[in-house]
Amino acid sequence: MMRWSGRVVLLGTVLGTGCLFGRGAPKPAPPAETVESTSRRTDSLMVVGEAHFRSGDWSKTIEVLNRALLLLDYSDPRRAQGYFMLGEAKLANGLQLEAVREFRRVADEGVVDSLAPAALVRAGDAYAALWRRPELDPSYGESAMATYQEVSQRFPGTGAAVRAQQRVLGLHEKFAEKELRSARFYLKFKATESAILTLRSLIATYPRTRSVPPALASLVEAYRKLGYVEDLRETCGYIDRFFPAVVPDVAYACPARAVTDTL
């Protein structure tokens, strides 16, 4: 009986202290040769992934870099470069939303890398690529706009901020075109008041876009149909001041004589 009791006490001591199989058992350090082989493997994958990237083989780039990034230590400075290349490869492969995720990792994870501003611009580009035509749902265009504006807020004075602002102007053109198409749709179906509201919003919100001159011409047409003399005179004055040679048919629509004779 004493011999059996001693065994129970010994087993309880071992389990309680976790020396062998308990929760608190210290994890053995990996052998040095394993760490070294993993490091060599990671280095090799990064080199191969970059080679595929430079050759434009996007599918291979994605495959290899995904494996390399799983092995890279979190503090490894190559992670940002790897995610950036992965984002570019996915964007080129038509995987825009996945590309956004990789670019945002560069911009948002850990210490801000020097690639962060450029990565944020490319995230905006990926969103913008999803808004293919102005008449479609502009949600992705709005996400692109917000991302480009974030570049200017987080990284002012950088080349990336300048590029982002240029992209914003390009998006303004698409948003303005969308508004112009909507206004023309309203005019076609005799919803003239709705057309006027849309046209005025376009001109106020996107005053430097290519859609403004035709919007002004449509606005003049709408005011003439409804007999809004003062609004017509005000709009014609605006055209004479800022777009005297650009708005179609302004010579016919806007002179005081034409307004008096028609109304």
C-alpha atoms as a PDB file:
ATOM      1  CA  MET A   1       0.000   0.000   0.000  1.00  0.00           C
ATOM      2  CA  MET A   2       2.797   2.456   0.795  1.00  0.00           C
ATOM      3  CA  ARG A   3       4.458   1.694  -2.543  1.00  0.00           C
ATOM      4  CA  TRP A   4       1.233   2.499  -4.454  1.00  0.00           C
ATOM      5  CA  SER A   5       0.704   5.722  -2.499  1.00  0.00           C
ATOM      6  CA  GLY A   6       4.155   6.884  -3.409  1.00  0.00           C
ATOM      7  CA  ARG A   7       3.424   6.420  -7.092  1.00  0.00           C
ATOM      8  CA  VAL A   8       0.209   8.463  -6.799  1.00  0.00           C
ATOM      9  CA  VAL A   9       2.050  11.295  -5.062  1.00  0.00           C
ATOM     10  CA  LEU A  10       4.775  11.290  -7.714  1.00  0.00           C
ATOM     11  CA  LEU A  11       2.226  11.346 -10.588  1.00  0.00           C
ATOM     12  CA  GLY A  12       0.316  14.193  -8.941  1.00  0.00           C
ATOM     13  CA  THR A  13       3.478  16.201  -8.520  1.00  0.00           C
ATOM     14  CA  VAL A  14       4.409  15.765 -12.185  1.00  0.00           C
ATOM     15  CA  LEU A  15       0.961  16.750 -13.481  1.00  0.00           C
ATOM     16  CA  GLY A  16       0.635  19.653 -11.076  1.00  0.00           C
ATOM     17  CA  THR A  17       3.909  21.232 -12.034  1.00  0.00           C
ATOM     18  CA  GLY A  18       3.405  20.581 -15.767  1.00  0.00           C
ATOM     19  CA  CYS A  19       6.945  19.345 -16.093  1.00  0.00           C
ATOM     20  CA  LEU A  20       6.028  16.778 -18.708  1.00  0.00           C
ATOM     21  CA  PHE A  21       2.580  17.134 -20.238  1.00  0.00           C
ATOM     22  CA  GLY A  22       0.858  19.894 -18.274  1.00  0.00           C
ATOM     23  CA  ARG A  23      -0.366  23.201 -19.670  1.00  0.00           C
ATOM     24  CA  GLY A  24       2.562  25.097 -18.324  1.00  0.00           C
ATOM     25  CA  ALA A  25       5.161  22.925 -19.960  1.00  0.00           C
ATOM     26  CA  PRO A  26       7.778  25.097 -21.642  1.00  0.00           C
ATOM     27  CA  LYS A  27       7.918  24.743 -25.398  1.00  0.00           C
ATOM     28  CA  PRO A  28      11.231  23.470 -26.633  1.00  0.00           C
ATOM     29  CA  ALA A  29      13.156  25.855 -28.837  1.00  0.00           C
ATOM     30  CA  PRO A  30      13.225  24.795 -32.498  1.00  0.00           C
ATOM     31  CA  PRO A  31      16.504  23.345 -33.605  1.00  0.00           C
ATOM     32  CA  ALA A  32      18.867  25.876 -35.097  1.00  0.00           C
ATOM     33  CA  GLU A  33      18.990  23.970 -38.377  1.00  0.00           C
ATOM     34  CA  THR A  34      15.152  24.221 -38.711  1.00  0.00           C
ATOM     35  CA  VAL A  35      15.177  28.000 -38.218  1.00  0.00           C
ATOM     36  CA  GLU A  36      17.978  28.355 -40.718  1.00  0.00           C
ATOM     37  CA  SER A  37      16.259  26.194 -43.326  1.00  0.00           C
ATOM     38  CA  THR A  38      12.998  28.150 -42.935  1.00  0.00           C
ATOM     39  CA  SER A  39      14.884  31.407 -43.390  1.00  0.00           C
ATOM     40  CA  ARG A  40      16.558  30.106 -46.541  1.00  0.00           C
ATOM     41  CA  ARG A  41      13.210  28.888 -47.849  1.00  0.00           C
ATOM     42  CA  THR A  42      11.610  32.270 -47.208  1.00  0.00           C
ATOM     43  CA  ASP A  43      14.458  34.125 -48.901  1.00  0.00           C
ATOM     44  CA  SER A  44      14.182  31.854 -51.915  1.00  0.00           C
ATOM     45  CA  LEU A  45      10.411  32.341 -52.191  1.00  0.00           C
ATOM     46  CA  MET A  46      10.752  36.121 -52.014  1.00  0.00           C
ATOM     47  CA  VAL A  47      13.361  36.114 -54.783  1.00  0.00           C
ATOM     48  CA  VAL A  48      11.241  33.844 -56.980  1.00  0.00           C
ATOM     49  CA  GLY A  49       8.080  35.852 -56.283  1.00  0.00           C
ATOM     50  CA  GLU A  50       9.785  39.109 -57.250  1.00  0.00           C
ATOM     51  CA  ALA A  51      11.104  37.487 -60.446  1.00  0.00           C
ATOM     52  CA  HIS A  52       7.568  36.408 -61.418  1.00  0.00           C
ATOM     53  CA  PHE A  53       6.330  39.910 -60.595  1.00  0.00           C
ATOM     54  CA  ARG A  54       8.919  41.583 -62.812  1.00  0.00           C
ATOM     55  CA  SER A  55       8.087  39.209 -65.667  1.00  0.00           C
ATOM     56  CA  GLY A  56       4.365  39.957 -65.372  1.00  0.00           C
ATOM     57  CA  ASP A  57       3.354  36.413 -64.442  1.00  0.00           C
ATOM     58  CA  TRP A  58       0.637  37.498 -62.020  1.00  0.00           C
ATOM     59  CA  SER A  59      -0.756  34.073 -61.139  1.00  0.00           C
ATOM     60  CA  LYS A  60       2.674  32.734 -60.211  1.00  0.00           C
ATOM     61  CA  THR A  61       3.429  35.939 -58.313  1.00  0.00           C
ATOM     62  CA  ILE A  62       0.301  35.493 -56.213  1.00  0.00           C
ATOM     63  CA  GLU A  63       1.005  31.805 -55.551  1.00  0.00           C
ATOM     64  CA  VAL A  64       4.629  32.264 -54.495  1.00  0.00           C
ATOM     65  CA  LEU A  65       4.231  35.467 -52.483  1.00  0.00           C
ATOM     66  CA  ASN A  66       1.295  34.042 -50.545  1.00  0.00           C
ATOM     67  CA  ARG A  67       3.572  31.206 -49.402  1.00  0.00           C
ATOM     68  CA  ALA A  68       6.475  33.540 -48.638  1.00  0.00           C
ATOM     69  CA  LEU A  69       4.381  35.938 -46.561  1.00  0.00           C
ATOM     70  CA  LEU A  70       3.137  33.082 -44.406  1.00  0.00           C
ATOM     71  CA  LEU A  71       6.740  32.348 -43.442  1.00  0.00           C
ATOM     72  CA  LEU A  72       8.009  35.917 -43.039  1.00  0.00           C
ATOM     73  CA  ASP A  73       8.416  37.167 -39.504  1.00  0.00           C
ATOM     74  CA  TYR A  74       6.003  39.975 -38.645  1.00  0.00           C
ATOM     75  CA  SER A  75       8.880  42.393 -38.076  1.00  0.00           C
ATOM     76  CA  ASP A  76      10.572  41.573 -41.385  1.00  0.00           C
ATOM     77  CA  PRO A  77      10.749  44.794 -43.456  1.00  0.00           C
ATOM     78  CA  ARG A  78      10.151  42.773 -46.626  1.00  0.00           C
ATOM     79  CA  ARG A  79       6.517  42.211 -45.651  1.00  0.00           C
ATOM     80  CA  ALA A  80       5.454  45.622 -46.956  1.00  0.00           C
ATOM     81  CA  GLN A  81       7.159  45.051 -50.296  1.00  0.00           C
ATOM     82  CA  GLY A  82       5.636  41.567 -50.514  1.00  0.00           C
ATOM     83  CA  TYR A  83       2.104  42.814 -49.849  1.00  0.00           C
ATOM     84  CA  PHE A  84       2.575  45.670 -52.316  1.00  0.00           C
ATOM     85  CA  MET A  85       3.658  43.297 -55.098  1.00  0.00           C
ATOM     86  CA  LEU A  86       0.829  40.940 -54.165  1.00  0.00           C
ATOM     87  CA  GLY A  87      -1.649  43.815 -54.424  1.00  0.00           C
ATOM     88  CA  GLU A  88      -0.349  44.824 -57.838  1.00  0.00           C
ATOM     89  CA  ALA A  89      -0.530  41.235 -59.082  1.00  0.00           C
ATOM     90  CA  LYS A  90      -4.104  40.815 -57.862  1.00  0.00           C
ATOM     91  CA  LEU A  91      -5.132  44.146 -59.372  1.00  0.00           C
ATOM     92  CA  ALA A  92      -3.639  43.117 -62.715  1.00  0.00           C
ATOM     93  CA  ASN A  93      -5.473  39.793 -62.431  1.00  0.00           C
ATOM     94  CA  GLY A  94      -8.835  41.534 -61.970  1.00  0.00           C
ATOM     95  CA  LEU A  95      -9.090  40.775 -58.237  1.00  0.00           C
ATOM     96  CA  GLN A  96      -9.710  44.369 -57.221  1.00  0.00           C
ATOM     97  CA  LEU A  97     -11.174  43.859 -53.752  1.00  0.00           C
ATOM     98  CA  GLU A  98      -8.433  41.412 -52.811  1.00  0.00           C
ATOM     99  CA  ALA A  99      -5.902  43.948 -54.090  1.00  0.00           C
ATOM    100  CA  VAL A 100      -7.434  46.598 -51.806  1.00  0.00           C
ATOM    101  CA  ARG A 101      -6.854  44.288 -48.839  1.00  0.00           C
ATOM    102  CA  GLU A 102      -3.152  43.825 -49.673  1.00  0.00           C
ATOM    103  CA  PHE A 103      -2.538  47.533 -50.280  1.00  0.00           C
ATOM    104  CA  ARG A 104      -4.280  48.448 -47.028  1.00  0.00           C
ATOM    105  CA  ARG A 105      -2.002  46.055 -45.169  1.00  0.00           C
ATOM    106  CA  VAL A 106       0.972  48.078 -46.378  1.00  0.00           C
ATOM    107  CA  ALA A 107      -0.662  51.341 -45.303  1.00  0.00           C
ATOM    108  CA  ASP A 108      -2.198  50.248 -42.018  1.00  0.00           C
ATOM    109  CA  GLU A 109      -0.306  47.386 -40.397  1.00  0.00           C
ATOM    110  CA  GLY A 110       2.386  48.077 -37.828  1.00  0.00           C
ATOM    111  CA  VAL A 111       4.947  50.782 -38.426  1.00  0.00           C
ATOM    112  CA  VAL A 112       4.118  52.887 -41.466  1.00  0.00           C
ATOM    113  CA  ASP A 113       6.372  51.846 -44.333  1.00  0.00           C
ATOM    114  CA  SER A 114       7.731  54.170 -47.010  1.00  0.00           C
ATOM    115  CA  LEU A 115       5.485  52.344 -49.477  1.00  0.00           C
ATOM    116  CA  ALA A 116       2.363  53.247 -47.481  1.00  0.00           C
ATOM    117  CA  PRO A 117       1.369  56.428 -49.407  1.00  0.00           C
ATOM    118  CA  ALA A 118       1.733  54.715 -52.799  1.00  0.00           C
ATOM    119  CA  ALA A 119      -0.120  51.651 -51.512  1.00  0.00           C
ATOM    120  CA  LEU A 120      -3.045  53.795 -50.385  1.00  0.00           C
ATOM    121  CA  VAL A 121      -3.248  55.417 -53.836  1.00  0.00           C
ATOM    122  CA  ARG A 122      -3.311  51.976 -55.416  1.00  0.00           C
ATOM    123  CA  ALA A 123      -6.093  50.891 -53.055  1.00  0.00           C
ATOM    124  CA  GLY A 124      -8.088  53.843 -54.391  1.00  0.00           C
ATOM    125  CA  ASP A 125      -7.240  52.785 -57.943  1.00  0.00           C
ATOM    126  CA  ALA A 126      -8.561  49.294 -57.236  1.00  0.00           C
ATOM    127  CA  TYR A 127     -11.878  50.707 -56.033  1.00  0.00           C
ATOM    128  CA  ALA A 128     -12.056  53.078 -59.018  1.00  0.00           C
ATOM    129  CA  ALA A 129     -11.514  50.168 -61.414  1.00  0.00           C
ATOM    130  CA  LEU A 130     -14.685  48.556 -60.075  1.00  0.00           C
ATOM    131  CA  TRP A 131     -16.804  51.594 -61.074  1.00  0.00           C
ATOM    132  CA  ARG A 132     -16.618  50.894 -64.771  1.00  0.00           C
ATOM    133  CA  ARG A 133     -19.307  53.247 -66.139  1.00  0.00           C
ATOM    134  CA  PRO A 134     -20.853  56.450 -64.749  1.00  0.00           C
ATOM    135  CA  GLU A 135     -24.415  55.153 -65.022  1.00  0.00           C
ATOM    136  CA  LEU A 136     -23.711  52.228 -62.686  1.00  0.00           C
ATOM    137  CA  ASP A 137     -23.941  52.233 -58.886  1.00  0.00           C
ATOM    138  CA  PRO A 138     -21.275  54.729 -57.741  1.00  0.00           C
ATOM    139  CA  SER A 139     -20.517  53.012 -54.401  1.00  0.00           C
ATOM    140  CA  TYR A 140     -17.055  51.893 -55.486  1.00  0.00           C
ATOM    141  CA  GLY A 141     -16.387  55.344 -56.913  1.00  0.00           C
ATOM    142  CA  GLU A 142     -17.277  56.831 -53.537  1.00  0.00           C
ATOM    143  CA  SER A 143     -14.924  54.373 -51.811  1.00  0.00           C
ATOM    144  CA  ALA A 144     -12.173  55.388 -54.230  1.00  0.00           C
ATOM    145  CA  MET A 145     -12.824  59.060 -53.513  1.00  0.00           C
ATOM    146  CA  ALA A 146     -12.621  58.508 -49.754  1.00  0.00           C
ATOM    147  CA  THR A 147      -9.360  56.559 -50.134  1.00  0.00           C
ATOM    148  CA  TYR A 148      -7.734  59.241 -52.288  1.00  0.00           C
ATOM    149  CA  GLN A 149      -8.748  61.903 -49.771  1.00  0.00           C
ATOM    150  CA  GLU A 150      -7.229  59.773 -47.010  1.00  0.00           C
ATOM    151  CA  VAL A 151      -3.884  59.928 -48.814  1.00  0.00           C
ATOM    152  CA  SER A 152      -3.922  63.730 -48.685  1.00  0.00           C
ATOM    153  CA  GLN A 153      -4.884  63.695 -45.016  1.00  0.00           C
ATOM    154  CA  ARG A 154      -2.341  61.131 -43.850  1.00  0.00           C
ATOM    155  CA  PHE A 155       0.549  61.941 -46.181  1.00  0.00           C
ATOM    156  CA  PRO A 156       0.277  65.635 -47.161  1.00  0.00           C
ATOM    157  CA  GLY A 157       2.962  67.079 -49.381  1.00  0.00           C
ATOM    158  CA  THR A 158       3.999  63.713 -50.832  1.00  0.00           C
ATOM    159  CA  GLY A 159       4.053  62.700 -54.470  1.00  0.00           C
ATOM    160  CA  ALA A 160       1.358  60.175 -53.642  1.00  0.00           C
ATOM    161  CA  ALA A 161      -0.888  62.979 -52.359  1.00  0.00           C
ATOM    162  CA  VAL A 162      -0.433  64.837 -55.659  1.00  0.00           C
ATOM    163  CA  ARG A 163      -1.348  61.718 -57.629  1.00  0.00           C
ATOM    164  CA  ALA A 164      -4.351  61.128 -55.392  1.00  0.00           C
ATOM    165  CA  GLN A 165      -5.620  64.651 -56.047  1.00  0.00           C
ATOM    166  CA  GLN A 166      -5.322  64.073 -59.788  1.00  0.00           C
ATOM    167  CA  ARG A 167      -7.355  60.885 -59.398  1.00  0.00           C
ATOM    168  CA  VAL A 168     -10.002  62.849 -57.462  1.00  0.00           C
ATOM    169  CA  LEU A 169     -10.399  65.223 -60.412  1.00  0.00           C
ATOM    170  CA  GLY A 170     -10.869  62.233 -62.704  1.00  0.00           C
ATOM    171  CA  LEU A 171     -13.597  60.887 -60.434  1.00  0.00           C
ATOM    172  CA  HIS A 172     -15.278  64.302 -60.437  1.00  0.00           C
ATOM    173  CA  GLU A 173     -15.625  63.957 -64.205  1.00  0.00           C
ATOM    174  CA  LYS A 174     -17.421  60.624 -63.827  1.00  0.00           C
ATOM    175  CA  PHE A 175     -19.694  61.843 -61.041  1.00  0.00           C
ATOM    176  CA  ALA A 176     -20.592  64.932 -63.080  1.00  0.00           C
ATOM    177  CA  GLU A 177     -21.326  62.822 -66.158  1.00  0.00           C
ATOM    178  CA  LYS A 178     -23.599  60.623 -64.068  1.00  0.00           C
ATOM    179  CA  GLU A 179     -25.529  63.687 -62.883  1.00  0.00           C
ATOM    180  CA  LEU A 180     -25.814  65.031 -66.442  1.00  0.00           C
ATOM    181  CA  ARG A 181     -27.235  61.746 -67.694  1.00  0.00           C
ATOM    182  CA  SER A 182     -29.770  61.754 -64.879  1.00  0.00           C
ATOM    183  CA  ALA A 183     -30.835  65.307 -65.718  1.00  0.00           C
ATOM    184  CA  ARG A 184     -31.284  64.465 -69.388  1.00  0.00           C
ATOM    185  CA  PHE A 185     -33.373  61.460 -68.403  1.00  0.00           C
ATOM    186  CA  TYR A 186     -35.636  63.755 -66.359  1.00  0.00           C
ATOM    187  CA  LEU A 187     -35.938  66.183 -69.272  1.00  0.00           C
ATOM    188  CA  LYS A 188     -36.834  63.366 -71.645  1.00  0.00           C
ATOM    189  CA  PHE A 189     -39.761  62.358 -69.469  1.00  0.00           C
ATOM    190  CA  LYS A 190     -40.910  65.923 -68.734  1.00  0.00           C
ATOM    191  CA  ALA A 191     -39.712  65.946 -65.110  1.00  0.00           C
ATOM    192  CA  THR A 192     -38.293  69.415 -65.653  1.00  0.00           C
ATOM    193  CA  GLU A 193     -38.118  70.532 -62.028  1.00  0.00           C
ATOM    194  CA  SER A 194     -36.131  67.425 -61.096  1.00  0.00           C
ATOM    195  CA  ALA A 195     -33.818  68.085 -64.032  1.00  0.00           C
ATOM    196  CA  ILE A 196     -33.235  71.667 -62.863  1.00  0.00           C
ATOM    197  CA  LEU A 197     -32.311  70.542 -59.343  1.00  0.00           C
ATOM    198  CA  THR A 198     -29.899  67.932 -60.702  1.00  0.00           C
ATOM    199  CA  LEU A 199     -28.268  70.348 -63.149  1.00  0.00           C
ATOM    200  CA  ARG A 200     -27.794  73.061 -60.530  1.00  0.00           C
ATOM    201  CA  SER A 201     -26.247  70.542 -58.142  1.00  0.00           C
ATOM    202  CA  LEU A 202     -23.860  69.357 -60.862  1.00  0.00           C
ATOM    203  CA  ILE A 203     -22.710  72.889 -61.690  1.00  0.00           C
ATOM    204  CA  ALA A 204     -22.191  73.781 -58.014  1.00  0.00           C
ATOM    205  CA  THR A 205     -20.455  70.543 -57.009  1.00  0.00           C
ATOM    206  CA  TYR A 206     -18.271  69.898 -60.063  1.00  0.00           C
ATOM    207  CA  PRO A 207     -17.696  73.388 -61.542  1.00  0.00           C
ATOM    208  CA  ARG A 208     -14.484  72.521 -63.409  1.00  0.00           C
ATOM    209  CA  THR A 209     -15.651  69.402 -65.210  1.00  0.00           C
ATOM    210  CA  ARG A 210     -16.408  68.903 -68.884  1.00  0.00           C
ATOM    211  CA  SER A 211     -20.072  68.313 -68.068  1.00  0.00           C
ATOM    212  CA  VAL A 212     -20.696  71.899 -66.927  1.00  0.00           C
ATOM    213  CA  PRO A 213     -21.135  73.548 -70.386  1.00  0.00           C
ATOM    214  CA  PRO A 214     -23.739  71.029 -71.613  1.00  0.00           C
ATOM    215  CA  ALA A 215     -25.381  71.174 -68.175  1.00  0.00           C
ATOM    216  CA  LEU A 216     -25.731  74.952 -68.520  1.00  0.00           C
ATOM    217  CA  ALA A 217     -27.240  74.540 -71.969  1.00  0.00           C
ATOM    218  CA  SER A 218     -29.766  72.033 -70.596  1.00  0.00           C
ATOM    219  CA  LEU A 219     -30.518  74.363 -67.689  1.00  0.00           C
ATOM    220  CA  VAL A 220     -31.295  77.213 -70.104  1.00  0.00           C
ATOM    221  CA  GLU A 221     -33.582  74.890 -72.025  1.00  0.00           C
ATOM    222  CA  ALA A 222     -35.404  73.896 -68.832  1.00  0.00           C
ATOM    223  CA  TYR A 223     -35.857  77.515 -67.690  1.00  0.00           C
ATOM    224  CA  ARG A 224     -37.225  78.511 -71.105  1.00  0.00           C
ATOM    225  CA  LYS A 225     -39.773  75.679 -71.046  1.00  0.00           C
ATOM    226  CA  LEU A 226     -41.056  76.695 -67.616  1.00  0.00           C
ATOM    227  CA  GLY A 227     -40.927  80.441 -68.284  1.00  0.00           C
ATOM    228  CA  TYR A 228     -38.485  81.189 -65.447  1.00  0.00           C
ATOM    229  CA  VAL A 229     -37.329  84.576 -66.783  1.00  0.00           C
ATOM    230  CA  GLU A 230     -35.112  85.673 -63.893  1.00  0.00           C
ATOM    231  CA  ASP A 231     -33.424  82.299 -63.581  1.00  0.00           C
ATOM    232  CA  LEU A 232     -32.862  82.292 -67.331  1.00  0.00           C
ATOM    233  CA  ARG A 233     -31.287  85.763 -67.288  1.00  0.00           C
ATOM    234  CA  GLU A 234     -29.065  84.816 -64.330  1.00  0.00           C
ATOM    235  CA  THR A 235     -27.878  81.619 -66.020  1.00  0.00           C
ATOM    236  CA  CYS A 236     -27.229  83.397 -69.306  1.00  0.00           C
ATOM    237  CA  GLY A 237     -25.181  85.998 -67.465  1.00  0.00           C
ATOM    238  CA  TYR A 238     -23.136  83.211 -65.875  1.00  0.00           C
ATOM    239  CA  ILE A 239     -22.589  81.652 -69.299  1.00  0.00           C
ATOM    240  CA  ASP A 240     -21.560  84.974 -70.858  1.00  0.00           C
ATOM    241  CA  ARG A 241     -19.061  85.497 -68.057  1.00  0.00           C
ATOM    242  CA  PHE A 242     -17.449  82.069 -67.805  1.00  0.00           C
ATOM    243  CA  PHE A 243     -18.349  80.050 -70.915  1.00  0.00           C
ATOM    244  CA  PRO A 244     -19.020  82.520 -73.760  1.00  0.00           C
ATOM    245  CA  ALA A 245     -17.632  80.284 -76.502  1.00  0.00           C
ATOM    246  CA  VAL A 246     -18.232  76.839 -75.009  1.00  0.00           C
ATOM    247  CA  VAL A 247     -21.925  76.333 -74.261  1.00  0.00           C
ATOM    248  CA  PRO A 248     -23.785  75.039 -77.343  1.00  0.00           C
ATOM    249  CA  ASP A 249     -26.465  77.320 -78.862  1.00  0.00           C
ATOM    250  CA  VAL A 250     -25.805  80.076 -76.319  1.00  0.00           C
ATOM    251  CA  ALA A 251     -26.104  82.741 -79.033  1.00  0.00           C
ATOM    252  CA  TYR A 252     -29.692  81.683 -79.654  1.00  0.00           C
ATOM    253  CA  ALA A 253     -30.775  80.811 -76.129  1.00  0.00           C
ATOM    254  CA  CYS A 254     -29.414  83.677 -74.093  1.00  0.00           C
ATOM    255  CA  PRO A 255     -29.671  87.138 -75.735  1.00  0.00           C
ATOM    256  CA  ALA A 256     -32.283  89.421 -74.161  1.00  0.00           C
ATOM    257  CA  ARG A 257     -34.139  89.697 -77.451  1.00  0.00           C
ATOM    258  CA  ALA A 258     -34.515  85.923 -77.721  1.00  0.00           C
ATOM    259  CA  VAL A 259     -35.732  85.713 -74.131  1.00  0.00           C
ATOM    260  CA  THR A 260     -38.291  88.535 -74.665  1.00  0.00           C
ATOM    261  CA  ASP A 261     -39.574  87.167 -77.954  1.00  0.00           C
ATOM    262  CA  THR A 262     -39.977  83.635 -76.646  1.00  0.00           C
ATOM    263  CA  LEU A 263     -41.599  84.488 -73.340  1.00  0.00           C
END
